[in-house]
PDB file of N, CA and C in Angstrom:
ATOM      1  N   MET A   1      21.485  14.400  74.447  1.00  0.00           N
ATOM      2  CA  MET A   1      21.921  15.465  75.496  1.00  0.00           C
ATOM      3  C   MET A   1      22.965  15.173  76.336  1.00  0.00           C
ATOM      4  N   ALA A   2      23.812  15.916  76.615  1.00  0.00           N
ATOM      5  CA  ALA A   2      25.007  15.590  77.436  1.00  0.00           C
ATOM      6  C   ALA A   2      24.565  15.423  78.963  1.00  0.00           C
ATOM      7  N   ALA A   3      25.164  14.390  79.609  1.00  0.00           N
ATOM      8  CA  ALA A   3      24.845  14.189  80.766  1.00  0.00           C
ATOM      9  C   ALA A   3      25.417  15.103  81.859  1.00  0.00           C
ATOM     10  N   MET A   4      24.704  15.504  83.079  1.00  0.00           N
ATOM     11  CA  MET A   4      25.334  16.537  83.980  1.00  0.00           C
ATOM     12  C   MET A   4      25.974  15.674  85.098  1.00  0.00           C
ATOM     13  N   PHE A   5      27.316  15.971  85.435  1.00  0.00           N
ATOM     14  CA  PHE A   5      27.799  15.379  86.539  1.00  0.00           C
ATOM     15  C   PHE A   5      28.152  16.349  87.633  1.00  0.00           C
ATOM     16  N   PHE A   6      28.186  16.089  88.739  1.00  0.00           N
ATOM     17  CA  PHE A   6      28.459  16.753  89.847  1.00  0.00           C
ATOM     18  C   PHE A   6      29.746  16.297  90.669  1.00  0.00           C
ATOM     19  N   SER A   7      30.370  17.122  91.220  1.00  0.00           N
ATOM     20  CA  SER A   7      31.492  16.669  92.063  1.00  0.00           C
ATOM     21  C   SER A   7      31.080  16.247  93.425  1.00  0.00           C
ATOM     22  N   ALA A   8      32.046  15.745  94.383  1.00  0.00           N
ATOM     23  CA  ALA A   8      31.682  15.105  95.425  1.00  0.00           C
ATOM     24  C   ALA A   8      30.946  16.134  96.446  1.00  0.00           C
ATOM     25  N   ASP A   9      31.390  17.423  96.447  1.00  0.00           N
ATOM     26  CA  ASP A   9      30.718  18.627  97.102  1.00  0.00           C
ATOM     27  C   ASP A   9      29.452  19.068  96.544  1.00  0.00           C
ATOM     28  N   GLY A  10      28.984  18.519  95.334  1.00  0.00           N
ATOM     29  CA  GLY A  10      27.746  18.807  94.756  1.00  0.00           C
ATOM     30  C   GLY A  10      27.719  19.917  93.657  1.00  0.00           C
ATOM     31  N   ASP A  11      28.876  20.395  93.298  1.00  0.00           N
ATOM     32  CA  ASP A  11      28.927  21.393  92.503  1.00  0.00           C
ATOM     33  C   ASP A  11      29.006  20.861  90.934  1.00  0.00           C
ATOM     34  N   LYS A  12      28.346  21.566  89.949  1.00  0.00           N
ATOM     35  CA  LYS A  12      28.486  21.049  88.553  1.00  0.00           C
ATOM     36  C   LYS A  12      29.697  20.895  88.044  1.00  0.00           C
ATOM     37  N   ALA A  13      30.108  19.594  87.561  1.00  0.00           N
ATOM     38  CA  ALA A  13      31.416  19.419  87.157  1.00  0.00           C
ATOM     39  C   ALA A  13      31.634  19.925  85.759  1.00  0.00           C
ATOM     40  N   SER A  14      30.650  19.339  84.992  1.00  0.00           N
ATOM     41  CA  SER A  14      30.531  19.694  83.303  1.00  0.00           C
ATOM     42  C   SER A  14      29.517  19.105  82.725  1.00  0.00           C
ATOM     43  N   ASP A  15      29.342  19.803  81.531  1.00  0.00           N
ATOM     44  CA  ASP A  15      28.310  19.004  80.657  1.00  0.00           C
ATOM     45  C   ASP A  15      28.899  18.077  79.740  1.00  0.00           C
ATOM     46  N   PHE A  16      30.098  17.481  80.165  1.00  0.00           N
ATOM     47  CA  PHE A  16      30.738  16.664  79.230  1.00  0.00           C
ATOM     48  C   PHE A  16      30.186  15.178  79.052  1.00  0.00           C
ATOM     49  N   GLN A  17      29.995  14.557  77.922  1.00  0.00           N
ATOM     50  CA  GLN A  17      29.191  13.368  77.839  1.00  0.00           C
ATOM     51  C   GLN A  17      30.235  12.235  78.279  1.00  0.00           C
ATOM     52  N   HIS A  18      29.947  11.426  79.193  1.00  0.00           N
ATOM     53  CA  HIS A  18      30.726  10.454  79.989  1.00  0.00           C
ATOM     54  C   HIS A  18      30.094   9.094  80.022  1.00  0.00           C
ATOM     55  N   CYS A  19      30.926   8.156  79.823  1.00  0.00           N
ATOM     56  CA  CYS A  19      30.321   6.741  79.964  1.00  0.00           C
ATOM     57  C   CYS A  19      30.662   6.165  81.486  1.00  0.00           C
ATOM     58  N   PRO A  20      30.101   5.401  81.905  1.00  0.00           N
ATOM     59  CA  PRO A  20      30.416   4.988  83.275  1.00  0.00           C
ATOM     60  C   PRO A  20      31.837   4.147  83.179  1.00  0.00           C
ATOM     61  N   VAL A  21      32.447   4.326  84.336  1.00  0.00           N
ATOM     62  CA  VAL A  21      33.753   3.656  84.237  1.00  0.00           C
ATOM     63  C   VAL A  21      33.479   2.234  84.720  1.00  0.00           C
ATOM     64  N   ARG A  22      33.861   1.432  83.501  1.00  0.00           N
ATOM     65  CA  ARG A  22      33.729   0.007  83.737  1.00  0.00           C
ATOM     66  C   ARG A  22      32.569  -0.488  84.486  1.00  0.00           C
ATOM     67  N   GLY A  23      31.670   0.086  84.488  1.00  0.00           N
ATOM     68  CA  GLY A  23      30.219  -0.180  85.398  1.00  0.00           C
ATOM     69  C   GLY A  23      30.304   0.381  86.827  1.00  0.00           C
ATOM     70  N   ARG A  24      31.306   0.999  87.043  1.00  0.00           N
ATOM     71  CA  ARG A  24      31.335   1.581  88.449  1.00  0.00           C
ATOM     72  C   ARG A  24      31.007   3.140  88.268  1.00  0.00           C
ATOM     73  N   GLU A  25      30.200   3.539  89.396  1.00  0.00           N
ATOM     74  CA  GLU A  25      29.987   4.895  89.441  1.00  0.00           C
ATOM     75  C   GLU A  25      31.025   5.719  90.024  1.00  0.00           C
ATOM     76  N   ARG A  26      31.208   6.718  89.691  1.00  0.00           N
ATOM     77  CA  ARG A  26      32.284   7.734  90.353  1.00  0.00           C
ATOM     78  C   ARG A  26      31.735   8.897  90.589  1.00  0.00           C
ATOM     79  N   ASN A  27      31.701   9.529  91.881  1.00  0.00           N
ATOM     80  CA  ASN A  27      31.183  10.856  91.876  1.00  0.00           C
ATOM     81  C   ASN A  27      32.160  11.931  91.871  1.00  0.00           C
ATOM     82  N   ASN A  28      33.389  11.486  91.397  1.00  0.00           N
ATOM     83  CA  ASN A  28      34.506  12.538  91.226  1.00  0.00           C
ATOM     84  C   ASN A  28      35.036  12.733  89.761  1.00  0.00           C
ATOM     85  N   TRP A  29      34.208  12.443  88.864  1.00  0.00           N
ATOM     86  CA  TRP A  29      34.571  12.409  87.662  1.00  0.00           C
ATOM     87  C   TRP A  29      35.107  13.992  87.250  1.00  0.00           C
ATOM     88  N   MET A  30      36.244  14.027  86.389  1.00  0.00           N
ATOM     89  CA  MET A  30      36.802  15.309  86.083  1.00  0.00           C
ATOM     90  C   MET A  30      37.175  15.168  84.633  1.00  0.00           C
ATOM     91  N   PRO A  31      36.423  15.491  83.694  1.00  0.00           N
ATOM     92  CA  PRO A  31      36.794  15.200  82.371  1.00  0.00           C
ATOM     93  C   PRO A  31      38.096  16.117  82.256  1.00  0.00           C
ATOM     94  N   LEU A  32      38.829  15.707  81.255  1.00  0.00           N
ATOM     95  CA  LEU A  32      40.147  16.719  80.772  1.00  0.00           C
ATOM     96  C   LEU A  32      39.440  17.450  79.625  1.00  0.00           C
ATOM     97  N   THR A  33      40.125  18.411  79.447  1.00  0.00           N
ATOM     98  CA  THR A  33      39.841  19.287  78.260  1.00  0.00           C
ATOM     99  C   THR A  33      41.135  19.492  77.302  1.00  0.00           C
ATOM    100  N   ARG A  34      40.568  20.019  76.111  1.00  0.00           N
ATOM    101  CA  ARG A  34      41.754  20.123  75.039  1.00  0.00           C
ATOM    102  C   ARG A  34      42.795  21.019  75.369  1.00  0.00           C
ATOM    103  N   ASP A  35      43.957  20.746  75.108  1.00  0.00           N
ATOM    104  CA  ASP A  35      45.113  21.674  75.351  1.00  0.00           C
ATOM    105  C   ASP A  35      46.049  21.658  74.051  1.00  0.00           C
ATOM    106  N   LYS A  36      47.148  21.236  74.239  1.00  0.00           N
ATOM    107  CA  LYS A  36      48.373  21.269  73.224  1.00  0.00           C
ATOM    108  C   LYS A  36      48.673  20.019  72.413  1.00  0.00           C
ATOM    109  N   ILE A  37      49.065  20.291  71.182  1.00  0.00           N
ATOM    110  CA  ILE A  37      49.529  19.211  70.522  1.00  0.00           C
ATOM    111  C   ILE A  37      51.087  19.234  70.696  1.00  0.00           C
ATOM    112  N   ILE A  38      51.767  18.199  71.103  1.00  0.00           N
ATOM    113  CA  ILE A  38      53.259  18.096  71.277  1.00  0.00           C
ATOM    114  C   ILE A  38      53.895  17.567  70.090  1.00  0.00           C
ATOM    115  N   GLY A  39      53.441  16.479  69.528  1.00  0.00           N
ATOM    116  CA  GLY A  39      53.746  15.856  68.253  1.00  0.00           C
ATOM    117  C   GLY A  39      54.177  14.494  68.544  1.00  0.00           C
ATOM    118  N   HIS A  40      54.697  13.873  67.305  1.00  0.00           N
ATOM    119  CA  HIS A  40      55.194  12.473  67.199  1.00  0.00           C
ATOM    120  C   HIS A  40      56.486  12.135  67.967  1.00  0.00           C
ATOM    121  N   ASP A  41      56.442  11.110  68.802  1.00  0.00           N
ATOM    122  CA  ASP A  41      57.711  10.949  69.267  1.00  0.00           C
ATOM    123  C   ASP A  41      58.231   9.597  68.692  1.00  0.00           C
ATOM    124  N   LEU A  42      59.258   9.667  67.808  1.00  0.00           N
ATOM    125  CA  LEU A  42      59.724   8.675  66.978  1.00  0.00           C
ATOM    126  C   LEU A  42      60.391   7.579  67.984  1.00  0.00           C
ATOM    127  N   GLU A  43      60.872   8.080  68.911  1.00  0.00           N
ATOM    128  CA  GLU A  43      61.599   6.823  69.896  1.00  0.00           C
ATOM    129  C   GLU A  43      60.692   6.192  70.644  1.00  0.00           C
ATOM    130  N   ARG A  44      59.398   6.737  71.184  1.00  0.00           N
ATOM    131  CA  ARG A  44      58.553   5.993  71.862  1.00  0.00           C
ATOM    132  C   ARG A  44      57.331   5.300  70.908  1.00  0.00           C
ATOM    133  N   LEU A  45      57.446   5.739  69.645  1.00  0.00           N
ATOM    134  CA  LEU A  45      56.297   5.339  68.661  1.00  0.00           C
ATOM    135  C   LEU A  45      54.937   5.670  69.156  1.00  0.00           C
ATOM    136  N   ALA A  46      54.829   7.025  69.571  1.00  0.00           N
ATOM    137  CA  ALA A  46      53.698   7.512  70.341  1.00  0.00           C
ATOM    138  C   ALA A  46      53.311   9.000  69.844  1.00  0.00           C
ATOM    139  N   PHE A  47      52.163   9.404  69.794  1.00  0.00           N
ATOM    140  CA  PHE A  47      51.906  10.895  69.763  1.00  0.00           C
ATOM    141  C   PHE A  47      51.535  11.562  70.800  1.00  0.00           C
ATOM    142  N   ARG A  48      52.255  12.489  71.332  1.00  0.00           N
ATOM    143  CA  ARG A  48      52.093  13.113  72.521  1.00  0.00           C
ATOM    144  C   ARG A  48      51.246  14.421  72.448  1.00  0.00           C
ATOM    145  N   PHE A  49      50.409  14.704  73.510  1.00  0.00           N
ATOM    146  CA  PHE A  49      49.683  15.772  73.515  1.00  0.00           C
ATOM    147  C   PHE A  49      49.330  16.089  74.968  1.00  0.00           C
ATOM    148  N   THR A  50      48.813  17.320  75.184  1.00  0.00           N
ATOM    149  CA  THR A  50      48.398  17.547  76.662  1.00  0.00           C
ATOM    150  C   THR A  50      46.855  17.878  76.665  1.00  0.00           C
ATOM    151  N   MET A  51      46.480  17.812  77.918  1.00  0.00           N
ATOM    152  CA  MET A  51      44.944  17.971  78.009  1.00  0.00           C
ATOM    153  C   MET A  51      45.050  18.750  79.409  1.00  0.00           C
ATOM    154  N   THR A  52      44.003  19.469  79.696  1.00  0.00           N
ATOM    155  CA  THR A  52      44.063  20.283  81.180  1.00  0.00           C
ATOM    156  C   THR A  52      43.014  19.409  81.998  1.00  0.00           C
ATOM    157  N   GLY A  53      43.491  19.441  83.203  1.00  0.00           N
ATOM    158  CA  GLY A  53      42.565  18.854  84.298  1.00  0.00           C
ATOM    159  C   GLY A  53      42.498  19.625  85.396  1.00  0.00           C
ATOM    160  N   GLU A  54      42.045  19.088  86.674  1.00  0.00           N
ATOM    161  CA  GLU A  54      41.879  19.954  87.880  1.00  0.00           C
ATOM    162  C   GLU A  54      43.193  20.601  88.353  1.00  0.00           C
ATOM    163  N   GLY A  55      44.296  19.881  88.034  1.00  0.00           N
ATOM    164  CA  GLY A  55      45.596  20.314  88.618  1.00  0.00           C
ATOM    165  C   GLY A  55      46.447  20.978  87.678  1.00  0.00           C
ATOM    166  N   GLY A  56      45.744  21.328  86.184  1.00  0.00           N
ATOM    167  CA  GLY A  56      46.533  21.905  85.489  1.00  0.00           C
ATOM    168  C   GLY A  56      46.981  20.922  84.251  1.00  0.00           C
ATOM    169  N   ALA A  57      48.073  21.178  83.419  1.00  0.00           N
ATOM    170  CA  ALA A  57      48.297  20.316  82.266  1.00  0.00           C
ATOM    171  C   ALA A  57      48.457  18.756  82.610  1.00  0.00           C
ATOM    172  N   VAL A  58      47.930  18.003  81.705  1.00  0.00           N
ATOM    173  CA  VAL A  58      48.071  16.422  82.154  1.00  0.00           C
ATOM    174  C   VAL A  58      48.732  16.099  80.787  1.00  0.00           C
ATOM    175  N   GLN A  59      49.995  15.231  80.947  1.00  0.00           N
ATOM    176  CA  GLN A  59      50.714  14.772  79.763  1.00  0.00           C
ATOM    177  C   GLN A  59      49.798  13.515  79.251  1.00  0.00           C
ATOM    178  N   CYS A  60      49.684  13.452  77.882  1.00  0.00           N
ATOM    179  CA  CYS A  60      49.000  12.346  77.323  1.00  0.00           C
ATOM    180  C   CYS A  60      49.914  11.742  76.148  1.00  0.00           C
ATOM    181  N   GLN A  61      49.713  10.419  75.792  1.00  0.00           N
ATOM    182  CA  GLN A  61      50.161   9.848  74.630  1.00  0.00           C
ATOM    183  C   GLN A  61      49.485   8.732  74.172  1.00  0.00           C
ATOM    184  N   ILE A  62      49.452   8.712  72.800  1.00  0.00           N
ATOM    185  CA  ILE A  62      48.627   7.401  72.212  1.00  0.00           C
ATOM    186  C   ILE A  62      49.697   6.755  71.417  1.00  0.00           C
ATOM    187  N   SER A  63      49.806   5.286  71.660  1.00  0.00           N
ATOM    188  CA  SER A  63      50.607   4.484  70.868  1.00  0.00           C
ATOM    189  C   SER A  63      50.385   4.669  69.275  1.00  0.00           C
ATOM    190  N   ASP A  64      51.355   4.537  68.409  1.00  0.00           N
ATOM    191  CA  ASP A  64      51.047   4.556  66.899  1.00  0.00           C
ATOM    192  C   ASP A  64      50.217   3.520  66.447  1.00  0.00           C
ATOM    193  N   ALA A  65      50.413   2.176  67.391  1.00  0.00           N
ATOM    194  CA  ALA A  65      49.422   1.196  66.896  1.00  0.00           C
ATOM    195  C   ALA A  65      48.151   1.473  67.214  1.00  0.00           C
ATOM    196  N   ALA A  66      47.846   2.027  68.420  1.00  0.00           N
ATOM    197  CA  ALA A  66      46.364   2.294  68.901  1.00  0.00           C
ATOM    198  C   ALA A  66      45.942   3.545  67.726  1.00  0.00           C
ATOM    199  N   MET A  67      46.466   4.511  67.426  1.00  0.00           N
ATOM    200  CA  MET A  67      46.132   5.561  66.452  1.00  0.00           C
ATOM    201  C   MET A  67      45.728   4.707  65.126  1.00  0.00           C
ATOM    202  N   ASP A  68      46.648   3.859  64.561  1.00  0.00           N
ATOM    203  CA  ASP A  68      46.543   3.181  63.336  1.00  0.00           C
ATOM    204  C   ASP A  68      45.212   2.414  63.522  1.00  0.00           C
ATOM    205  N   GLU A  69      44.852   1.652  64.620  1.00  0.00           N
ATOM    206  CA  GLU A  69      43.708   1.098  64.817  1.00  0.00           C
ATOM    207  C   GLU A  69      42.571   1.903  64.691  1.00  0.00           C
ATOM    208  N   LEU A  70      42.458   3.091  65.371  1.00  0.00           N
ATOM    209  CA  LEU A  70      41.446   3.891  65.242  1.00  0.00           C
ATOM    210  C   LEU A  70      41.105   4.330  64.089  1.00  0.00           C
ATOM    211  N   ALA A  71      42.122   4.569  63.297  1.00  0.00           N
ATOM    212  CA  ALA A  71      41.956   5.123  61.796  1.00  0.00           C
ATOM    213  C   ALA A  71      41.718   3.757  60.783  1.00  0.00           C
ATOM    214  N   GLY A  72      41.722   2.559  61.217  1.00  0.00           N
ATOM    215  CA  GLY A  72      41.541   1.687  60.372  1.00  0.00           C
ATOM    216  C   GLY A  72      42.621   1.282  59.200  1.00  0.00           C
ATOM    217  N   MET A  73      43.763   1.485  59.893  1.00  0.00           N
ATOM    218  CA  MET A  73      45.050   1.550  58.833  1.00  0.00           C
ATOM    219  C   MET A  73      46.296   0.904  59.592  1.00  0.00           C
ATOM    220  N   GLN A  74      47.460   0.772  58.996  1.00  0.00           N
ATOM    221  CA  GLN A  74      48.583   0.395  59.823  1.00  0.00           C
ATOM    222  C   GLN A  74      49.742   1.080  58.964  1.00  0.00           C
ATOM    223  N   GLY A  75      50.875   1.071  59.746  1.00  0.00           N
ATOM    224  CA  GLY A  75      52.112   1.630  59.015  1.00  0.00           C
ATOM    225  C   GLY A  75      52.194   2.989  58.704  1.00  0.00           C
ATOM    226  N   THR A  76      51.344   3.944  59.342  1.00  0.00           N
ATOM    227  CA  THR A  76      51.422   5.381  58.954  1.00  0.00           C
ATOM    228  C   THR A  76      52.678   5.935  59.230  1.00  0.00           C
ATOM    229  N   GLU A  77      53.134   6.737  58.268  1.00  0.00           N
ATOM    230  CA  GLU A  77      54.444   7.310  58.338  1.00  0.00           C
ATOM    231  C   GLU A  77      54.390   8.415  59.414  1.00  0.00           C
ATOM    232  N   SER A  78      55.603   8.467  59.951  1.00  0.00           N
ATOM    233  CA  SER A  78      55.794   9.447  61.096  1.00  0.00           C
ATOM    234  C   SER A  78      55.386  10.944  60.865  1.00  0.00           C
ATOM    235  N   SER A  79      55.685  11.387  59.267  1.00  0.00           N
ATOM    236  CA  SER A  79      55.410  12.588  58.809  1.00  0.00           C
ATOM    237  C   SER A  79      53.745  12.769  58.728  1.00  0.00           C
ATOM    238  N   ALA A  80      53.029  11.805  58.938  1.00  0.00           N
ATOM    239  CA  ALA A  80      51.512  11.977  58.633  1.00  0.00           C
ATOM    240  C   ALA A  80      50.897  11.840  60.008  1.00  0.00           C
ATOM    241  N   ARG A  81      51.646  11.493  61.139  1.00  0.00           N
ATOM    242  CA  ARG A  81      50.913  11.232  62.420  1.00  0.00           C
ATOM    243  C   ARG A  81      50.218  12.633  62.873  1.00  0.00           C
ATOM    244  N   GLN A  82      50.730  13.802  62.565  1.00  0.00           N
ATOM    245  CA  GLN A  82      49.734  14.820  63.255  1.00  0.00           C
ATOM    246  C   GLN A  82      48.518  14.915  62.632  1.00  0.00           C
ATOM    247  N   ALA A  83      48.435  14.785  61.145  1.00  0.00           N
ATOM    248  CA  ALA A  83      47.312  14.781  60.431  1.00  0.00           C
ATOM    249  C   ALA A  83      46.317  13.859  61.013  1.00  0.00           C
ATOM    250  N   GLN A  84      46.949  12.628  61.186  1.00  0.00           N
ATOM    251  CA  GLN A  84      46.126  11.348  61.630  1.00  0.00           C
ATOM    252  C   GLN A  84      45.570  11.720  62.978  1.00  0.00           C
ATOM    253  N   PHE A  85      46.389  12.412  64.019  1.00  0.00           N
ATOM    254  CA  PHE A  85      45.862  12.681  65.186  1.00  0.00           C
ATOM    255  C   PHE A  85      44.582  13.701  65.127  1.00  0.00           C
ATOM    256  N   LEU A  86      44.936  14.826  64.237  1.00  0.00           N
ATOM    257  CA  LEU A  86      43.853  15.758  64.335  1.00  0.00           C
ATOM    258  C   LEU A  86      42.476  15.135  63.671  1.00  0.00           C
ATOM    259  N   SER A  87      42.711  14.277  62.847  1.00  0.00           N
ATOM    260  CA  SER A  87      41.354  13.654  62.359  1.00  0.00           C
ATOM    261  C   SER A  87      40.684  12.674  63.418  1.00  0.00           C
ATOM    262  N   LEU A  88      41.375  12.196  64.374  1.00  0.00           N
ATOM    263  CA  LEU A  88      40.938  11.235  65.303  1.00  0.00           C
ATOM    264  C   LEU A  88      40.824  12.162  66.614  1.00  0.00           C
ATOM    265  N   ARG A  89      41.199  13.242  66.663  1.00  0.00           N
ATOM    266  CA  ARG A  89      41.246  14.144  67.945  1.00  0.00           C
ATOM    267  C   ARG A  89      40.025  13.906  68.940  1.00  0.00           C
ATOM    268  N   GLU A  90      38.911  14.193  68.446  1.00  0.00           N
ATOM    269  CA  GLU A  90      37.795  14.078  69.561  1.00  0.00           C
ATOM    270  C   GLU A  90      37.835  12.731  70.265  1.00  0.00           C
ATOM    271  N   THR A  91      38.013  11.725  69.323  1.00  0.00           N
ATOM    272  CA  THR A  91      37.743  10.215  69.933  1.00  0.00           C
ATOM    273  C   THR A  91      39.065   9.965  70.931  1.00  0.00           C
ATOM    274  N   ILE A  92      40.140  10.471  70.474  1.00  0.00           N
ATOM    275  CA  ILE A  92      41.436  10.218  71.262  1.00  0.00           C
ATOM    276  C   ILE A  92      41.274  10.920  72.638  1.00  0.00           C
ATOM    277  N   GLU A  93      40.744  12.187  72.739  1.00  0.00           N
ATOM    278  CA  GLU A  93      40.753  12.895  73.756  1.00  0.00           C
ATOM    279  C   GLU A  93      39.640  12.310  74.620  1.00  0.00           C
ATOM    280  N   ARG A  94      38.544  11.761  74.224  1.00  0.00           N
ATOM    281  CA  ARG A  94      37.561  11.069  75.037  1.00  0.00           C
ATOM    282  C   ARG A  94      38.181   9.923  75.558  1.00  0.00           C
ATOM    283  N   ILE A  95      38.858   9.279  74.969  1.00  0.00           N
ATOM    284  CA  ILE A  95      39.465   7.980  75.608  1.00  0.00           C
ATOM    285  C   ILE A  95      40.624   8.441  76.662  1.00  0.00           C
ATOM    286  N   ALA A  96      41.303   9.412  76.354  1.00  0.00           N
ATOM    287  CA  ALA A  96      42.373   9.960  77.452  1.00  0.00           C
ATOM    288  C   ALA A  96      41.573  10.533  78.643  1.00  0.00           C
ATOM    289  N   SER A  97      40.434  11.111  78.356  1.00  0.00           N
ATOM    290  CA  SER A  97      39.749  11.655  79.695  1.00  0.00           C
ATOM    291  C   SER A  97      39.062  10.444  80.513  1.00  0.00           C
ATOM    292  N   ASP A  98      38.591   9.428  79.817  1.00  0.00           N
ATOM    293  CA  ASP A  98      38.320   8.193  80.516  1.00  0.00           C
ATOM    294  C   ASP A  98      39.105   7.617  81.196  1.00  0.00           C
ATOM    295  N   LEU A  99      40.259   7.460  80.742  1.00  0.00           N
ATOM    296  CA  LEU A  99      41.470   6.814  81.362  1.00  0.00           C
ATOM    297  C   LEU A  99      41.902   7.654  82.558  1.00  0.00           C
ATOM    298  N   TYR A 100      41.782   8.911  82.273  1.00  0.00           N
ATOM    299  CA  TYR A 100      42.180   9.768  83.396  1.00  0.00           C
ATOM    300  C   TYR A 100      41.217   9.775  84.692  1.00  0.00           C
ATOM    301  N   ASP A 101      40.008   9.707  84.372  1.00  0.00           N
ATOM    302  CA  ASP A 101      38.935   9.434  85.533  1.00  0.00           C
ATOM    303  C   ASP A 101      39.265   8.017  86.220  1.00  0.00           C
ATOM    304  N   GLU A 102      39.803   7.139  85.701  1.00  0.00           N
ATOM    305  CA  GLU A 102      40.082   5.796  86.323  1.00  0.00           C
ATOM    306  C   GLU A 102      41.444   5.797  87.054  1.00  0.00           C
ATOM    307  N   ALA A 103      42.208   6.772  86.820  1.00  0.00           N
ATOM    308  CA  ALA A 103      43.732   6.778  87.303  1.00  0.00           C
ATOM    309  C   ALA A 103      43.802   7.411  88.703  1.00  0.00           C
ATOM    310  N   PRO A 104      44.723   7.135  89.359  1.00  0.00           N
ATOM    311  CA  PRO A 104      44.812   7.780  90.909  1.00  0.00           C
ATOM    312  C   PRO A 104      45.356   9.251  90.391  1.00  0.00           C
ATOM    313  N   ARG A 105      45.021  10.103  91.156  1.00  0.00           N
ATOM    314  CA  ARG A 105      45.226  11.499  91.044  1.00  0.00           C
ATOM    315  C   ARG A 105      46.629  11.747  91.670  1.00  0.00           C
ATOM    316  N   VAL A 106      47.541  11.471  90.961  1.00  0.00           N
ATOM    317  CA  VAL A 106      48.976  11.763  91.346  1.00  0.00           C
ATOM    318  C   VAL A 106      49.679  12.749  90.581  1.00  0.00           C
ATOM    319  N   GLN A 107      50.361  13.792  91.078  1.00  0.00           N
ATOM    320  CA  GLN A 107      51.108  14.766  90.315  1.00  0.00           C
ATOM    321  C   GLN A 107      52.003  13.984  89.186  1.00  0.00           C
ATOM    322  N   GLY A 108      52.219  14.303  88.129  1.00  0.00           N
ATOM    323  CA  GLY A 108      52.996  13.972  87.046  1.00  0.00           C
ATOM    324  C   GLY A 108      52.500  12.665  86.198  1.00  0.00           C
ATOM    325  N   TYR A 109      51.218  12.090  86.661  1.00  0.00           N
ATOM    326  CA  TYR A 109      50.643  11.041  86.017  1.00  0.00           C
ATOM    327  C   TYR A 109      50.559  11.258  84.441  1.00  0.00           C
ATOM    328  N   VAL A 110      50.786  10.217  83.693  1.00  0.00           N
ATOM    329  CA  VAL A 110      50.802  10.464  82.187  1.00  0.00           C
ATOM    330  C   VAL A 110      49.881   9.392  81.651  1.00  0.00           C
ATOM    331  N   VAL A 111      48.777   9.867  80.974  1.00  0.00           N
ATOM    332  CA  VAL A 111      47.758   9.081  80.304  1.00  0.00           C
ATOM    333  C   VAL A 111      48.208   8.588  79.079  1.00  0.00           C
ATOM    334  N   ARG A 112      48.285   7.187  79.023  1.00  0.00           N
ATOM    335  CA  ARG A 112      49.070   6.330  77.894  1.00  0.00           C
ATOM    336  C   ARG A 112      47.865   5.465  77.313  1.00  0.00           C
ATOM    337  N   ILE A 113      47.541   5.875  76.114  1.00  0.00           N
ATOM    338  CA  ILE A 113      46.511   5.113  75.395  1.00  0.00           C
ATOM    339  C   ILE A 113      47.282   4.091  74.446  1.00  0.00           C
ATOM    340  N   PHE A 114      46.959   2.717  74.792  1.00  0.00           N
ATOM    341  CA  PHE A 114      47.368   1.543  73.947  1.00  0.00           C
ATOM    342  C   PHE A 114      46.118   0.931  73.357  1.00  0.00           C
ATOM    343  N   MET A 115      46.584  -0.284  72.424  1.00  0.00           N
ATOM    344  CA  MET A 115      45.407  -0.866  71.714  1.00  0.00           C
ATOM    345  C   MET A 115      44.470  -1.488  72.697  1.00  0.00           C
ATOM    346  N   ARG A 116      45.105  -1.907  73.840  1.00  0.00           N
ATOM    347  CA  ARG A 116      44.211  -2.626  74.963  1.00  0.00           C
ATOM    348  C   ARG A 116      43.056  -1.600  75.533  1.00  0.00           C
ATOM    349  N   ASN A 117      43.328  -0.332  75.315  1.00  0.00           N
ATOM    350  CA  ASN A 117      42.424   0.507  75.781  1.00  0.00           C
ATOM    351  C   ASN A 117      41.111   0.931  74.770  1.00  0.00           C
ATOM    352  N   LEU A 118      41.197   0.632  73.512  1.00  0.00           N
ATOM    353  CA  LEU A 118      40.297   0.823  72.509  1.00  0.00           C
ATOM    354  C   LEU A 118      38.946   0.150  72.731  1.00  0.00           C
ATOM    355  N   GLY A 119      39.071  -1.214  73.166  1.00  0.00           N
ATOM    356  CA  GLY A 119      37.972  -2.077  73.294  1.00  0.00           C
ATOM    357  C   GLY A 119      36.861  -1.694  74.430  1.00  0.00           C
ATOM    358  N   ARG A 120      36.925  -0.619  74.913  1.00  0.00           N
ATOM    359  CA  ARG A 120      36.198  -0.206  76.049  1.00  0.00           C
ATOM    360  C   ARG A 120      34.803   0.301  75.760  1.00  0.00           C
TER     361      ARG A 120
END
């Protein structure tokens, strides 16, 4: 069963299943929700997508290395990145939402997922 979270003013935030942030309790959790796929950025070696937060669209990206690690493979071709993202989308979006919860609420913040974020 999904946990129920409430914002600081007591309103129900969502039914989104969430893990405590590194052992800390936060009363202002705002999970991101699915938005758009942008695609693979060959220059940055990352897959880009957006999610929606309290202030609108949030830019997100996951490194090729992190996506390969989640998939249990390495060296995925650029042309196969979208299919790989789609197969891992739920997990990647959960990680992005968790990282967003830890981040400062600053306009223009980009959620970046690297291999170091996978051992959480």
